C-alpha cells in the first residue's frame, strides 16, 4: 500500500518526487500521463513510477485499491490541465482521501485585455487564436502541441505560425497531420534561456509570441525579457480561474513536520 499518490505532470511534480524520495519515510506512487514524463522521474526503493492517462473512474479504483484512508493524494499537474485536476479532486472525494494541490506561482497579476506594455492577455487558447487571426506577421507559438489544432483557424497559419513543441516522434507526427512541419515546426526540449528565445524570435521573424502564464518554473520570465528585447508583442493566455494551491516547499515541509496541521493548508502567518 502507498501512503502518498503523486500526479506529477510538471516540473514541480518531478522536483516533489525527488524531495519525497529524499525523505525516505513514505511509500510513494507517481503517475505521469506519458512514457516521456515517466522517464524524467527516477524510481527508488520507496518510489514507484507509472505512466498512462487515467479516467476519473480509473483514478478512484487506483486510489481505493492501493491506499488506505490515511493516504494523501498530491495533484502537481499543469496549471492549465483543468480537466485532469477536476478528475483528481473528484476521485479523492469519491475514494475518501485527502487532496492536496501543488501549484506553481504566477508571474503576471494583470487581468486586462491589453496591457500598458503592449502585450495582450486573453482568457483562452481560442481567444488567442482569434486575436492572432486579426493581425499580420509571423507568430511564435510556445503553448505546446495539444493547443495547435485551435490555431489552424488563423488564415495562412501554415506560413505565418511557428510552433515550438517537444521533440517526440508522436508529437512531430501529430503536428504534421494538421499542417505544422518543415521550418514552421521547431522541436526542442526546454527550459529555454532568454538568449535561446531571442534567437528563435529572430529566426522566425516573429512579431508576436503566444504563451501561457507558465510561471518562473515554466520559463515565462525568459520569454518576457526576450520578447521585450526584440520588440515582439506577447499574447498571454491567463490561468484558469479558481485554481489555488501550495508550493513544493510548503508541501514537503508539512509532510516532514507532521505537526498535526492539515496538509494543504498554509501556516496562519502565511495566509
Protein backbone atom coordinates (compact mmCIF):
# COMPACT_ATOMS: atom_id res chain seq x y z
CA UNK A 1 0.00 0.00 0.00
CA UNK A 2 1.11 3.56 -0.71
CA UNK A 3 0.68 6.47 1.68
CA UNK A 4 1.35 9.14 -0.99
CA UNK A 5 -0.08 9.28 -4.52
CA UNK A 6 1.58 11.93 -6.68
CA UNK A 7 0.19 13.03 -10.03
CA UNK A 8 3.32 14.60 -11.49
CA UNK A 9 2.71 16.42 -14.75
CA UNK A 10 5.03 19.40 -14.27
CA UNK A 11 8.50 20.43 -13.16
CA UNK A 12 7.02 20.77 -9.68
CA UNK A 13 5.90 17.16 -9.81
CA UNK A 14 9.37 15.94 -10.71
CA UNK A 15 11.01 18.09 -8.03
CA UNK A 16 8.47 16.92 -5.47
CA UNK A 17 9.16 13.27 -6.34
CA UNK A 18 12.87 13.87 -5.73
CA UNK A 19 12.25 15.67 -2.46
CA UNK A 20 9.90 12.99 -1.16
CA UNK A 21 12.35 10.29 -2.20
CA UNK A 22 14.98 12.01 -0.07
CA UNK A 23 12.69 11.87 2.97
CA UNK A 24 12.57 8.09 2.66
CA UNK A 25 9.70 7.81 5.14
CA UNK A 26 6.82 7.27 2.76
CA UNK A 27 5.89 4.77 0.08
CA UNK A 28 5.07 6.83 -2.98
CA UNK A 29 3.41 6.10 -6.31
CA UNK A 30 3.96 8.72 -9.05
CA UNK A 31 1.68 8.94 -12.08
CA UNK A 32 2.61 10.62 -15.36
CA UNK A 33 0.49 10.87 -18.49
CA UNK A 34 3.24 9.77 -20.88
CA UNK A 35 6.26 7.48 -21.05
CA UNK A 36 8.37 10.57 -21.65
CA UNK A 37 7.16 12.09 -18.39
CA UNK A 38 7.88 8.82 -16.64
CA UNK A 39 11.45 8.83 -17.95
CA UNK A 40 12.09 12.15 -16.19
CA UNK A 41 11.34 10.73 -12.73
CA UNK A 42 13.86 8.34 -11.24
CA UNK A 43 12.27 5.46 -9.34
CA UNK A 44 13.64 4.38 -5.97
CA UNK A 45 13.14 1.85 -3.23
CA UNK A 46 10.25 3.93 -1.87
CA UNK A 47 9.10 5.47 -5.19
CA UNK A 48 7.24 3.67 -7.98
CA UNK A 49 6.53 5.47 -11.26
CA UNK A 50 3.69 4.64 -13.65
CA UNK A 51 2.63 6.19 -16.94
CA UNK A 52 -0.67 6.37 -18.76
CA UNK A 53 -3.69 8.65 -18.81
CA UNK A 54 -6.34 7.70 -16.26
CA UNK A 55 -10.03 8.43 -16.36
CA UNK A 56 -11.74 9.62 -13.20
CA UNK A 57 -13.15 6.13 -12.59
CA UNK A 58 -9.68 4.60 -13.03
CA UNK A 59 -8.25 7.11 -10.55
CA UNK A 60 -10.87 6.13 -7.99
CA UNK A 61 -10.03 2.46 -8.44
CA UNK A 62 -6.27 3.04 -8.15
CA UNK A 63 -6.68 5.13 -5.01
CA UNK A 64 -9.04 2.70 -3.30
CA UNK A 65 -7.05 -0.41 -4.14
CA UNK A 66 -3.58 0.94 -3.36
CA UNK A 67 -4.00 3.32 -0.40
CA UNK A 68 -5.81 3.42 2.91
CA UNK A 69 -7.85 6.26 4.44
CA UNK A 70 -4.73 7.96 5.85
CA UNK A 71 -3.13 8.40 2.42
CA UNK A 72 -2.63 11.78 0.74
CA UNK A 73 -3.14 12.40 -2.98
CA UNK A 74 -0.98 15.22 -4.35
CA UNK A 75 -2.01 16.94 -7.58
CA UNK A 76 1.08 18.51 -9.18
CA UNK A 77 -0.32 18.59 -12.71
CA UNK A 78 -0.08 21.57 -15.06
CA UNK A 79 -1.97 24.78 -14.11
CA UNK A 80 -3.83 24.59 -17.43
CA UNK A 81 -4.80 20.91 -17.12
CA UNK A 82 -8.23 21.84 -15.78
CA UNK A 83 -9.98 18.57 -16.61
CA UNK A 84 -7.25 16.43 -15.06
CA UNK A 85 -7.27 18.45 -11.85
CA UNK A 86 -11.05 18.20 -11.64
CA UNK A 87 -10.86 14.42 -12.15
CA UNK A 88 -8.23 14.01 -9.41
CA UNK A 89 -10.20 16.17 -7.00
CA UNK A 90 -13.44 14.28 -7.70
CA UNK A 91 -11.66 10.92 -7.40
CA UNK A 92 -10.36 11.88 -3.96
CA UNK A 93 -13.85 12.83 -2.83
CA UNK A 94 -15.24 9.55 -4.14
CA UNK A 95 -12.46 7.50 -2.53
CA UNK A 96 -12.43 9.50 0.71
CA UNK A 97 -8.76 10.56 0.53
CA UNK A 98 -7.05 13.84 1.35
CA UNK A 99 -6.45 16.01 -1.75
CA UNK A 100 -3.54 18.47 -1.97
CA UNK A 101 -2.95 20.84 -4.87
CA UNK A 102 0.66 21.84 -5.52
CA UNK A 103 0.68 24.81 -7.86
CA UNK A 104 3.46 26.97 -9.28
CA UNK A 105 3.27 30.71 -8.71
CA UNK A 106 2.08 33.06 -11.41
CA UNK A 107 4.34 35.80 -12.75
CA UNK A 108 1.54 38.03 -14.10
CA UNK A 109 -1.15 39.60 -11.96
CA UNK A 110 -2.74 41.61 -14.78
CA UNK A 111 -6.26 40.75 -15.83
CA UNK A 112 -6.76 43.20 -18.67
CA UNK A 113 -7.10 42.59 -22.39
CA UNK A 114 -4.31 44.97 -23.45
CA UNK A 115 -1.51 45.91 -21.08
CA UNK A 116 0.38 49.19 -20.90
CA UNK A 117 3.48 47.47 -22.32
CA UNK A 118 1.57 46.49 -25.47
CA UNK A 119 1.22 42.83 -24.53
CA UNK A 120 -2.15 41.13 -24.75
CA UNK A 121 -3.84 39.00 -22.08
CA UNK A 122 -6.60 36.62 -23.19
CA UNK A 123 -8.72 34.09 -21.39
CA UNK A 124 -8.24 31.01 -23.55
CA UNK A 125 -6.38 29.45 -26.46
CA UNK A 126 -9.42 30.14 -28.63
CA UNK A 127 -9.25 33.85 -27.77
CA UNK A 128 -5.54 33.89 -28.55
CA UNK A 129 -6.16 32.35 -31.99
CA UNK A 130 -9.00 34.77 -32.71
CA UNK A 131 -6.82 37.74 -31.81
CA UNK A 132 -3.89 36.49 -33.91
CA UNK A 133 -6.28 35.99 -36.83
CA UNK A 134 -6.80 39.76 -36.94
CA UNK A 135 -3.09 40.57 -37.19
CA UNK A 136 -0.35 40.36 -39.77
CA UNK A 137 3.16 38.99 -39.39
CA UNK A 138 4.77 35.84 -38.09
CA UNK A 139 3.91 34.25 -34.75
CA UNK A 140 5.95 32.01 -32.43
CA UNK A 141 3.65 29.59 -30.57
CA UNK A 142 5.01 28.25 -27.27
CA UNK A 143 1.78 26.80 -25.88
CA UNK A 144 2.51 23.14 -26.67
CA UNK A 145 1.30 20.69 -29.28
CA UNK A 146 -2.13 19.96 -27.76
CA UNK A 147 -3.33 23.51 -28.46
CA UNK A 148 -2.11 23.67 -32.05
CA UNK A 149 -5.38 22.49 -33.69
CA UNK A 150 -7.05 25.66 -32.39
CA UNK A 151 -4.56 27.82 -34.30
CA UNK A 152 -5.41 26.20 -37.63
CA UNK A 153 -8.32 28.69 -37.73
CA UNK A 154 -5.80 31.51 -38.33
CA UNK A 155 -5.70 32.44 -42.03
CA UNK A 156 -2.39 31.39 -43.60
CA UNK A 157 -1.35 29.54 -40.47
CA UNK A 158 0.91 27.14 -42.36
CA UNK A 159 3.13 30.05 -43.40
CA UNK A 160 2.66 32.55 -40.54
CA UNK A 161 2.79 30.36 -37.45
CA UNK A 162 5.88 28.67 -36.00
CA UNK A 163 5.26 26.08 -33.30
CA UNK A 164 7.80 25.12 -30.65
CA UNK A 165 6.99 21.65 -29.31
CA UNK A 166 8.64 18.67 -27.63
CA UNK A 167 10.99 16.59 -29.77
CA UNK A 168 8.99 13.36 -29.62
CA UNK A 169 8.12 11.31 -32.74
CA UNK A 170 4.45 11.16 -31.78
CA UNK A 171 4.32 14.94 -31.32
CA UNK A 172 6.03 15.58 -34.65
CA UNK A 173 3.57 13.25 -36.40
CA UNK A 174 0.50 14.87 -34.83
CA UNK A 175 1.77 18.36 -35.74
CA UNK A 176 2.46 17.34 -39.33
CA UNK A 177 -1.06 15.96 -39.68
CA UNK A 178 -2.54 19.43 -39.12
CA UNK A 179 -0.02 21.29 -41.26
CA UNK A 180 2.84 22.24 -38.94
CA UNK A 181 6.02 20.92 -40.48
CA UNK A 182 9.35 21.88 -42.03
CA UNK A 183 10.71 25.22 -40.88
CA UNK A 184 7.43 26.01 -39.13
CA UNK A 185 7.89 23.19 -36.61
CA UNK A 186 10.62 23.66 -34.00
CA UNK A 187 11.19 20.56 -31.88
CA UNK A 188 13.16 21.24 -28.70
CA UNK A 189 13.20 20.38 -25.02
CA UNK A 190 13.16 23.29 -22.56
CA UNK A 191 13.69 25.08 -20.35
CA UNK A 192 14.84 27.87 -22.66
CA UNK A 193 17.14 30.75 -21.83
CA UNK A 194 16.47 34.36 -22.79
CA UNK A 195 19.20 34.03 -25.41
CA UNK A 196 17.55 30.98 -26.99
CA UNK A 197 14.18 32.72 -27.07
CA UNK A 198 15.76 35.77 -28.70
CA UNK A 199 17.42 33.56 -31.30
CA UNK A 200 14.12 31.85 -32.16
CA UNK A 201 12.24 35.14 -32.39
CA UNK A 202 14.87 36.44 -34.82
CA UNK A 203 14.99 33.15 -36.75
CA UNK A 204 11.21 33.06 -37.26
CA UNK A 205 10.81 36.80 -37.71
CA UNK A 206 8.05 36.67 -35.12
CA UNK A 207 6.13 39.85 -34.38
CA UNK A 208 4.07 38.01 -31.76
CA UNK A 209 4.86 35.31 -29.17
CA UNK A 210 1.96 33.30 -27.79
CA UNK A 211 2.45 31.79 -24.34
CA UNK A 212 0.62 30.56 -21.30
CA UNK A 213 1.39 32.13 -17.94
CA UNK A 214 3.73 29.28 -17.13
CA UNK A 215 5.39 30.94 -14.15
CA UNK A 216 9.05 31.10 -13.34
CA UNK A 217 9.41 27.31 -13.45
CA UNK A 218 7.92 27.24 -16.93
CA UNK A 219 10.32 29.85 -18.33
CA UNK A 220 7.89 32.77 -18.53
CA UNK A 221 10.38 35.48 -17.41
CA UNK A 222 12.85 34.38 -20.10
CA UNK A 223 10.14 34.62 -22.75
CA UNK A 224 9.07 38.02 -21.48
CA UNK A 225 12.56 39.52 -21.44
CA UNK A 226 13.35 38.07 -24.87
CA UNK A 227 10.16 39.47 -26.39
CA UNK A 228 10.90 42.87 -24.88
CA UNK A 229 14.43 42.85 -26.26
CA UNK A 230 13.15 42.00 -29.75
CA UNK A 231 10.16 44.34 -29.79
CA UNK A 232 7.90 41.30 -30.06
CA UNK A 233 4.42 41.56 -28.53
CA UNK A 234 3.28 38.74 -26.24
CA UNK A 235 -0.17 37.17 -26.29
CA UNK A 236 -0.54 35.70 -22.79
CA UNK A 237 -3.19 33.08 -22.06
CA UNK A 238 -4.02 33.63 -18.41
CA UNK A 239 -4.50 30.91 -15.83
CA UNK A 240 -7.88 29.23 -15.43
CA UNK A 241 -9.79 30.94 -12.65
CA UNK A 242 -10.30 29.42 -9.23
CA UNK A 243 -7.30 27.08 -9.01
CA UNK A 244 -5.26 27.56 -5.86
CA UNK A 245 -2.58 25.51 -4.15
CA UNK A 246 0.62 25.42 -2.16
CA UNK A 247 4.26 25.35 -3.22
CA UNK A 248 6.55 22.33 -3.40
CA UNK A 249 8.47 23.66 -0.41
CA UNK A 250 5.32 24.07 1.66
CA UNK A 251 4.10 20.60 0.75
CA UNK A 252 7.40 18.95 1.72
CA UNK A 253 7.61 20.97 4.92
CA UNK A 254 4.13 19.99 6.03
CA UNK A 255 4.76 16.32 5.30
CA UNK A 256 8.10 16.45 7.13
CA UNK A 257 6.86 18.31 10.18
CA UNK A 258 3.82 16.11 10.84
CA UNK A 259 2.80 18.60 13.49
CA UNK A 260 -0.92 18.00 13.35
CA UNK A 261 -1.76 20.64 10.77
CA UNK A 262 -3.83 19.63 7.79
CA UNK A 263 -1.70 19.01 4.72
CA UNK A 264 -2.60 21.55 2.04
CA UNK A 265 -3.15 24.49 4.41
CA UNK A 266 -0.61 27.25 4.95
CA UNK A 267 0.56 28.28 8.35
CA UNK A 268 -1.52 31.02 9.93
CA UNK A 269 1.13 33.70 9.48
CA UNK A 270 1.40 32.90 5.79
CA UNK A 271 -2.28 33.32 4.99
